[in-house]
Amino acid sequence: MIHRRFANVLFALILSSMVSLFISCVVTWRTLGIVEGFVGLSLSAWLAAWPAAFLGVLILAPLVRRIVGALTRDC
């Protein structure tokens, strides 16, 4: 198991990998259509995008949490 103190980094790693893979597939599909080699092209785009997405989630998640906290309240 991974120690709980790494939860934020693990969250960013998993979320960024899933979202960047999804977006890479959508953008590849919209740009090229379902062509021969689609999976490889999508995975190549994903590998390029994932580091940026990971850093983005690490940097922006605390800001987003504060914004959500400011926009919500207990009922």
N, C-alpha and C. Protein backbone atom coordinates (compact mmCIF):
# COMPACT_ATOMS: atom_id res chain seq x y z
N MET A 1 0.83 -1.19 0.00
CA MET A 1 0.00 0.00 0.00
C MET A 1 0.87 1.26 0.00
N ILE A 2 0.30 2.32 -0.48
CA ILE A 2 0.98 3.61 -0.52
C ILE A 2 0.56 4.42 0.69
N HIS A 3 1.51 5.10 1.31
CA HIS A 3 1.21 5.89 2.50
C HIS A 3 0.23 7.01 2.16
N ARG A 4 -0.65 7.29 3.12
CA ARG A 4 -1.70 8.27 2.92
C ARG A 4 -1.17 9.68 2.61
N ARG A 5 0.04 9.98 3.04
CA ARG A 5 0.58 11.33 2.78
C ARG A 5 0.80 11.59 1.29
N PHE A 6 0.82 10.53 0.49
CA PHE A 6 0.98 10.67 -0.95
C PHE A 6 -0.36 10.66 -1.69
N ALA A 7 -1.45 10.78 -0.97
CA ALA A 7 -2.79 10.69 -1.57
C ALA A 7 -3.00 11.76 -2.65
N ASN A 8 -2.57 12.99 -2.41
CA ASN A 8 -2.77 14.05 -3.40
C ASN A 8 -2.00 13.79 -4.69
N VAL A 9 -0.80 13.28 -4.56
CA VAL A 9 0.00 12.97 -5.75
C VAL A 9 -0.61 11.78 -6.49
N LEU A 10 -1.04 10.77 -5.76
CA LEU A 10 -1.67 9.61 -6.38
C LEU A 10 -2.97 10.01 -7.08
N PHE A 11 -3.75 10.87 -6.44
CA PHE A 11 -4.97 11.40 -7.05
C PHE A 11 -4.64 12.10 -8.36
N ALA A 12 -3.64 12.97 -8.36
CA ALA A 12 -3.25 13.70 -9.56
C ALA A 12 -2.76 12.75 -10.65
N LEU A 13 -2.00 11.74 -10.26
CA LEU A 13 -1.49 10.77 -11.22
C LEU A 13 -2.62 10.00 -11.90
N ILE A 14 -3.56 9.51 -11.11
CA ILE A 14 -4.66 8.72 -11.67
C ILE A 14 -5.61 9.60 -12.48
N LEU A 15 -6.01 10.73 -11.94
CA LEU A 15 -6.94 11.61 -12.65
C LEU A 15 -6.33 12.12 -13.95
N SER A 16 -5.09 12.57 -13.91
CA SER A 16 -4.46 13.09 -15.12
C SER A 16 -4.30 12.01 -16.18
N SER A 17 -3.99 10.80 -15.76
CA SER A 17 -3.84 9.73 -16.76
C SER A 17 -5.17 9.41 -17.42
N MET A 18 -6.23 9.34 -16.65
CA MET A 18 -7.55 9.00 -17.20
C MET A 18 -8.09 10.11 -18.10
N VAL A 19 -8.03 11.34 -17.64
CA VAL A 19 -8.59 12.45 -18.41
C VAL A 19 -7.76 12.70 -19.68
N SER A 20 -6.44 12.67 -19.56
CA SER A 20 -5.61 12.91 -20.74
C SER A 20 -5.76 11.80 -21.77
N LEU A 21 -5.94 10.55 -21.33
CA LEU A 21 -6.19 9.47 -22.28
C LEU A 21 -7.52 9.67 -22.99
N PHE A 22 -8.55 10.01 -22.24
CA PHE A 22 -9.86 10.24 -22.83
C PHE A 22 -9.80 11.38 -23.85
N ILE A 23 -9.20 12.49 -23.47
CA ILE A 23 -9.12 13.65 -24.36
C ILE A 23 -8.26 13.33 -25.59
N SER A 24 -7.16 12.61 -25.40
CA SER A 24 -6.32 12.24 -26.54
C SER A 24 -7.09 11.40 -27.55
N CYS A 25 -7.90 10.47 -27.05
CA CYS A 25 -8.72 9.64 -27.95
C CYS A 25 -9.75 10.49 -28.69
N VAL A 26 -10.40 11.39 -27.98
CA VAL A 26 -11.41 12.24 -28.61
C VAL A 26 -10.79 13.15 -29.66
N VAL A 27 -9.67 13.77 -29.34
CA VAL A 27 -9.03 14.68 -30.28
C VAL A 27 -8.49 13.92 -31.50
N THR A 28 -7.91 12.76 -31.26
CA THR A 28 -7.45 11.94 -32.39
C THR A 28 -8.62 11.55 -33.28
N TRP A 29 -9.70 11.14 -32.68
CA TRP A 29 -10.89 10.77 -33.45
C TRP A 29 -11.43 11.95 -34.25
N ARG A 30 -11.53 13.13 -33.60
CA ARG A 30 -12.06 14.32 -34.28
C ARG A 30 -11.13 14.78 -35.41
N THR A 31 -9.83 14.62 -35.22
CA THR A 31 -8.87 15.08 -36.21
C THR A 31 -8.73 14.11 -37.39
N LEU A 32 -8.63 12.82 -37.08
CA LEU A 32 -8.32 11.84 -38.12
C LEU A 32 -9.46 10.86 -38.42
N GLY A 33 -10.40 10.76 -37.50
CA GLY A 33 -11.41 9.71 -37.62
C GLY A 33 -10.84 8.40 -37.10
N ILE A 34 -11.64 7.36 -37.21
CA ILE A 34 -11.16 6.03 -36.80
C ILE A 34 -10.38 5.45 -37.98
N VAL A 35 -9.08 5.64 -37.94
CA VAL A 35 -8.21 5.21 -39.03
C VAL A 35 -7.36 4.03 -38.56
N GLU A 36 -6.70 3.41 -39.52
CA GLU A 36 -5.77 2.34 -39.16
C GLU A 36 -4.68 2.93 -38.27
N GLY A 37 -4.38 2.27 -37.19
CA GLY A 37 -3.38 2.76 -36.25
C GLY A 37 -3.92 3.76 -35.24
N PHE A 38 -5.25 3.86 -35.16
CA PHE A 38 -5.89 4.84 -34.26
C PHE A 38 -5.41 4.69 -32.82
N VAL A 39 -5.36 3.46 -32.33
CA VAL A 39 -4.97 3.23 -30.93
C VAL A 39 -3.54 3.71 -30.70
N GLY A 40 -2.64 3.38 -31.60
CA GLY A 40 -1.25 3.82 -31.46
C GLY A 40 -1.10 5.32 -31.52
N LEU A 41 -1.84 5.95 -32.42
CA LEU A 41 -1.80 7.42 -32.51
C LEU A 41 -2.34 8.06 -31.24
N SER A 42 -3.43 7.52 -30.73
CA SER A 42 -4.02 8.05 -29.50
C SER A 42 -3.08 7.88 -28.32
N LEU A 43 -2.45 6.71 -28.23
CA LEU A 43 -1.52 6.47 -27.12
C LEU A 43 -0.29 7.36 -27.23
N SER A 44 0.17 7.61 -28.44
CA SER A 44 1.31 8.50 -28.63
C SER A 44 0.97 9.92 -28.18
N ALA A 45 -0.22 10.38 -28.57
CA ALA A 45 -0.67 11.72 -28.14
C ALA A 45 -0.83 11.76 -26.63
N TRP A 46 -1.34 10.67 -26.06
CA TRP A 46 -1.55 10.60 -24.60
C TRP A 46 -0.21 10.69 -23.86
N LEU A 47 0.79 9.96 -24.33
CA LEU A 47 2.09 10.00 -23.66
C LEU A 47 2.71 11.40 -23.68
N ALA A 48 2.43 12.16 -24.72
CA ALA A 48 2.92 13.53 -24.79
C ALA A 48 2.13 14.45 -23.87
N ALA A 49 0.83 14.19 -23.73
CA ALA A 49 -0.05 15.07 -22.96
C ALA A 49 -0.03 14.77 -21.46
N TRP A 50 0.21 13.53 -21.08
CA TRP A 50 0.08 13.14 -19.68
C TRP A 50 0.96 13.93 -18.72
N PRO A 51 2.25 14.15 -19.01
CA PRO A 51 3.05 14.94 -18.06
C PRO A 51 2.48 16.35 -17.83
N ALA A 52 2.00 16.98 -18.89
CA ALA A 52 1.41 18.32 -18.73
C ALA A 52 0.13 18.24 -17.91
N ALA A 53 -0.68 17.23 -18.16
CA ALA A 53 -1.93 17.06 -17.40
C ALA A 53 -1.62 16.79 -15.93
N PHE A 54 -0.61 15.98 -15.65
CA PHE A 54 -0.23 15.67 -14.28
C PHE A 54 0.19 16.93 -13.53
N LEU A 55 1.06 17.71 -14.15
CA LEU A 55 1.48 18.97 -13.51
C LEU A 55 0.30 19.92 -13.33
N GLY A 56 -0.57 19.97 -14.35
CA GLY A 56 -1.74 20.83 -14.25
C GLY A 56 -2.63 20.45 -13.08
N VAL A 57 -2.88 19.16 -12.91
CA VAL A 57 -3.72 18.72 -11.79
C VAL A 57 -3.03 19.02 -10.46
N LEU A 58 -1.74 18.74 -10.37
CA LEU A 58 -1.02 19.02 -9.12
C LEU A 58 -1.09 20.50 -8.75
N ILE A 59 -0.95 21.36 -9.73
CA ILE A 59 -0.92 22.80 -9.47
C ILE A 59 -2.32 23.37 -9.27
N LEU A 60 -3.29 22.91 -10.07
CA LEU A 60 -4.62 23.52 -10.05
C LEU A 60 -5.60 22.91 -9.06
N ALA A 61 -5.39 21.68 -8.63
CA ALA A 61 -6.34 21.04 -7.71
C ALA A 61 -6.56 21.84 -6.42
N PRO A 62 -5.52 22.35 -5.76
CA PRO A 62 -5.77 23.14 -4.55
C PRO A 62 -6.61 24.41 -4.82
N LEU A 63 -6.36 25.05 -5.95
CA LEU A 63 -7.14 26.23 -6.31
C LEU A 63 -8.59 25.85 -6.56
N VAL A 64 -8.81 24.78 -7.27
CA VAL A 64 -10.18 24.33 -7.56
C VAL A 64 -10.90 23.95 -6.27
N ARG A 65 -10.20 23.30 -5.34
CA ARG A 65 -10.81 22.96 -4.04
C ARG A 65 -11.25 24.22 -3.29
N ARG A 66 -10.42 25.26 -3.33
CA ARG A 66 -10.78 26.52 -2.66
C ARG A 66 -11.98 27.17 -3.34
N ILE A 67 -12.01 27.16 -4.66
CA ILE A 67 -13.14 27.75 -5.38
C ILE A 67 -14.42 27.00 -5.06
N VAL A 68 -14.35 25.67 -5.08
CA VAL A 68 -15.54 24.86 -4.76
C VAL A 68 -15.97 25.12 -3.32
N GLY A 69 -15.03 25.23 -2.41
CA GLY A 69 -15.37 25.54 -1.02
C GLY A 69 -16.06 26.88 -0.88
N ALA A 70 -15.65 27.85 -1.68
CA ALA A 70 -16.25 29.19 -1.63
C ALA A 70 -17.65 29.20 -2.26
N LEU A 71 -17.90 28.31 -3.19
CA LEU A 71 -19.18 28.28 -3.90
C LEU A 71 -20.21 27.35 -3.28
N THR A 72 -19.81 26.60 -2.27
CA THR A 72 -20.75 25.64 -1.65
C THR A 72 -20.89 25.92 -0.17
N ARG A 73 -21.94 25.34 0.38
CA ARG A 73 -22.16 25.47 1.83
C ARG A 73 -22.92 24.24 2.33
N ASP A 74 -22.87 24.03 3.64
CA ASP A 74 -23.64 22.96 4.25
C ASP A 74 -25.10 23.36 4.31
N CYS A 75 -25.97 22.43 4.04
CA CYS A 75 -27.42 22.73 4.09
C CYS A 75 -28.01 22.39 5.42
